[in-house]
Amino acid sequence: MKIYPRFKLWLENEEGQFLLGEGTFKLLEDIGLTGSLSEAAKKSSISYAHAWKKIRKVEKMMGKSLLVKSRGGVGGGHSTLTDDGRALLERFTDTKRIINESL
């Protein structure tokens, strides 16, 4: 029988409080790809309100904005990641890559 190592990655703040895990990472990643919080929420099978709540929680804990949002109109709204949002995704991705390479 072969045994394979597996892991779950999450980030915590300085006080050891949960900040970001796979679900919120994927949500932010999808926002970056689609330019839409609504579309990213659909891809994650969660409501827009729940997605927005997850983002706001991380923003509050970090004291930084992760998204720049524009309200909907004829073409609908748009969401883009801030530099801090992209940096958080990079940190998560780099950490995951380093762990995977060591397995």
C-alpha atoms as a PDB file:
ATOM      1  CA  MET A   1       0.000   0.000   0.000  1.00  0.00           C
ATOM      2  CA  LYS A   2       1.311   3.432  -0.923  1.00  0.00           C
ATOM      3  CA  ILE A   3       0.882   6.293   1.510  1.00  0.00           C
ATOM      4  CA  TYR A   4       0.756   9.888   0.341  1.00  0.00           C
ATOM      5  CA  PRO A   5       1.182  12.968   2.513  1.00  0.00           C
ATOM      6  CA  ARG A   6      -1.596  15.563   2.390  1.00  0.00           C
ATOM      7  CA  PHE A   7      -2.018  18.887   4.128  1.00  0.00           C
ATOM      8  CA  LYS A   8      -4.378  21.798   4.570  1.00  0.00           C
ATOM      9  CA  LEU A   9      -2.897  25.253   4.505  1.00  0.00           C
ATOM     10  CA  TRP A  10      -4.236  28.341   6.202  1.00  0.00           C
ATOM     11  CA  LEU A  11      -2.758  31.646   7.258  1.00  0.00           C
ATOM     12  CA  GLU A  12      -3.104  33.149  10.723  1.00  0.00           C
ATOM     13  CA  ASN A  13      -2.511  36.638  12.057  1.00  0.00           C
ATOM     14  CA  GLU A  14       0.070  37.462  14.742  1.00  0.00           C
ATOM     15  CA  GLU A  15      -2.380  36.454  17.488  1.00  0.00           C
ATOM     16  CA  GLY A  16      -2.863  33.006  15.942  1.00  0.00           C
ATOM     17  CA  GLN A  17      -6.356  33.780  14.642  1.00  0.00           C
ATOM     18  CA  PHE A  18      -7.477  32.163  11.383  1.00  0.00           C
ATOM     19  CA  LEU A  19      -7.115  34.625   8.520  1.00  0.00           C
ATOM     20  CA  LEU A  20      -7.331  32.782   5.220  1.00  0.00           C
ATOM     21  CA  GLY A  21      -7.763  29.207   4.068  1.00  0.00           C
ATOM     22  CA  GLU A  22      -8.304  27.380   0.793  1.00  0.00           C
ATOM     23  CA  GLY A  23     -11.899  28.589   0.381  1.00  0.00           C
ATOM     24  CA  THR A  24     -11.204  32.297   0.736  1.00  0.00           C
ATOM     25  CA  PHE A  25      -8.007  31.905  -1.283  1.00  0.00           C
ATOM     26  CA  LYS A  26     -10.004  30.366  -4.149  1.00  0.00           C
ATOM     27  CA  LEU A  27     -12.604  33.129  -3.860  1.00  0.00           C
ATOM     28  CA  LEU A  28      -9.935  35.842  -4.138  1.00  0.00           C
ATOM     29  CA  GLU A  29      -8.226  33.990  -6.966  1.00  0.00           C
ATOM     30  CA  ASP A  30     -11.515  33.766  -8.883  1.00  0.00           C
ATOM     31  CA  ILE A  31     -12.210  37.462  -8.299  1.00  0.00           C
ATOM     32  CA  GLY A  32      -8.817  38.192  -9.831  1.00  0.00           C
ATOM     33  CA  LEU A  33      -9.613  35.985 -12.827  1.00  0.00           C
ATOM     34  CA  THR A  34     -13.223  37.042 -13.428  1.00  0.00           C
ATOM     35  CA  GLY A  35     -13.201  40.627 -12.181  1.00  0.00           C
ATOM     36  CA  SER A  36     -16.445  39.856 -10.387  1.00  0.00           C
ATOM     37  CA  LEU A  37     -17.262  39.030  -6.781  1.00  0.00           C
ATOM     38  CA  SER A  38     -20.624  37.704  -7.935  1.00  0.00           C
ATOM     39  CA  GLU A  39     -19.064  35.319 -10.472  1.00  0.00           C
ATOM     40  CA  ALA A  40     -16.427  34.198  -7.981  1.00  0.00           C
ATOM     41  CA  ALA A  41     -19.152  33.465  -5.408  1.00  0.00           C
ATOM     42  CA  LYS A  42     -21.056  31.378  -7.968  1.00  0.00           C
ATOM     43  CA  LYS A  43     -17.906  29.382  -8.767  1.00  0.00           C
ATOM     44  CA  SER A  44     -17.482  28.696  -5.041  1.00  0.00           C
ATOM     45  CA  SER A  45     -21.181  27.780  -4.680  1.00  0.00           C
ATOM     46  CA  ILE A  46     -21.752  30.425  -2.008  1.00  0.00           C
ATOM     47  CA  SER A  47     -23.997  33.465  -1.922  1.00  0.00           C
ATOM     48  CA  TYR A  48     -22.740  36.911  -2.853  1.00  0.00           C
ATOM     49  CA  ALA A  49     -23.466  38.067   0.714  1.00  0.00           C
ATOM     50  CA  HIS A  50     -21.428  35.220   2.212  1.00  0.00           C
ATOM     51  CA  ALA A  51     -18.545  35.872  -0.187  1.00  0.00           C
ATOM     52  CA  TRP A  52     -18.554  39.571   0.678  1.00  0.00           C
ATOM     53  CA  LYS A  53     -18.616  38.729   4.406  1.00  0.00           C
ATOM     54  CA  LYS A  54     -15.558  36.473   4.029  1.00  0.00           C
ATOM     55  CA  ILE A  55     -13.627  39.189   2.199  1.00  0.00           C
ATOM     56  CA  ARG A  56     -14.598  41.892   4.711  1.00  0.00           C
ATOM     57  CA  LYS A  57     -13.503  39.670   7.622  1.00  0.00           C
ATOM     58  CA  VAL A  58     -10.014  39.248   6.167  1.00  0.00           C
ATOM     59  CA  GLU A  59      -9.816  42.961   5.339  1.00  0.00           C
ATOM     60  CA  LYS A  60     -10.790  43.887   8.890  1.00  0.00           C
ATOM     61  CA  MET A  61      -8.260  41.515  10.441  1.00  0.00           C
ATOM     62  CA  MET A  62      -5.470  42.761   8.158  1.00  0.00           C
ATOM     63  CA  GLY A  63      -6.470  46.408   8.319  1.00  0.00           C
ATOM     64  CA  LYS A  64      -6.127  46.546   4.534  1.00  0.00           C
ATOM     65  CA  SER A  65      -8.453  46.535   1.531  1.00  0.00           C
ATOM     66  CA  LEU A  66      -8.212  43.486  -0.702  1.00  0.00           C
ATOM     67  CA  LEU A  67     -10.676  44.639  -3.376  1.00  0.00           C
ATOM     68  CA  VAL A  68     -11.549  47.723  -5.346  1.00  0.00           C
ATOM     69  CA  LYS A  69     -15.233  47.530  -6.259  1.00  0.00           C
ATOM     70  CA  SER A  70     -17.272  49.576  -8.676  1.00  0.00           C
ATOM     71  CA  ARG A  71     -21.051  49.526  -8.478  1.00  0.00           C
ATOM     72  CA  GLY A  72     -23.124  47.873 -11.134  1.00  0.00           C
ATOM     73  CA  GLY A  73     -24.704  49.781 -13.944  1.00  0.00           C
ATOM     74  CA  VAL A  74     -25.556  48.903 -17.504  1.00  0.00           C
ATOM     75  CA  GLY A  75     -22.604  46.517 -17.756  1.00  0.00           C
ATOM     76  CA  GLY A  76     -22.711  45.422 -14.109  1.00  0.00           C
ATOM     77  CA  GLY A  77     -20.198  45.987 -11.352  1.00  0.00           C
ATOM     78  CA  HIS A  78     -16.545  45.106 -11.340  1.00  0.00           C
ATOM     79  CA  SER A  79     -14.094  43.984  -8.647  1.00  0.00           C
ATOM     80  CA  THR A  80     -10.319  43.995  -8.854  1.00  0.00           C
ATOM     81  CA  LEU A  81      -7.689  42.935  -6.363  1.00  0.00           C
ATOM     82  CA  THR A  82      -5.623  45.622  -4.675  1.00  0.00           C
ATOM     83  CA  ASP A  83      -1.851  45.265  -4.398  1.00  0.00           C
ATOM     84  CA  ASP A  84      -2.438  43.906  -0.875  1.00  0.00           C
ATOM     85  CA  GLY A  85      -4.950  41.393  -2.245  1.00  0.00           C
ATOM     86  CA  ARG A  86      -2.490  40.186  -4.879  1.00  0.00           C
ATOM     87  CA  ALA A  87       0.310  40.023  -2.292  1.00  0.00           C
ATOM     88  CA  LEU A  88      -1.846  37.860  -0.010  1.00  0.00           C
ATOM     89  CA  LEU A  89      -2.590  35.468  -2.889  1.00  0.00           C
ATOM     90  CA  GLU A  90       1.106  35.305  -3.760  1.00  0.00           C
ATOM     91  CA  ARG A  91       2.045  34.543  -0.158  1.00  0.00           C
ATOM     92  CA  PHE A  92      -0.493  31.719   0.034  1.00  0.00           C
ATOM     93  CA  THR A  93       0.542  30.338  -3.378  1.00  0.00           C
ATOM     94  CA  ASP A  94       4.268  30.519  -2.609  1.00  0.00           C
ATOM     95  CA  THR A  95       3.833  28.829   0.768  1.00  0.00           C
ATOM     96  CA  LYS A  96       1.765  26.048  -0.787  1.00  0.00           C
ATOM     97  CA  ARG A  97       4.324  25.561  -3.576  1.00  0.00           C
ATOM     98  CA  ILE A  98       7.219  25.322  -1.102  1.00  0.00           C
ATOM     99  CA  ILE A  99       5.379  22.715   0.961  1.00  0.00           C
ATOM    100  CA  ASN A 100       4.384  20.701  -2.124  1.00  0.00           C
ATOM    101  CA  GLU A 101       7.972  20.718  -3.406  1.00  0.00           C
ATOM    102  CA  SER A 102       9.221  19.338  -0.100  1.00  0.00           C
ATOM    103  CA  LEU A 103       6.789  16.387  -0.093  1.00  0.00           C
END
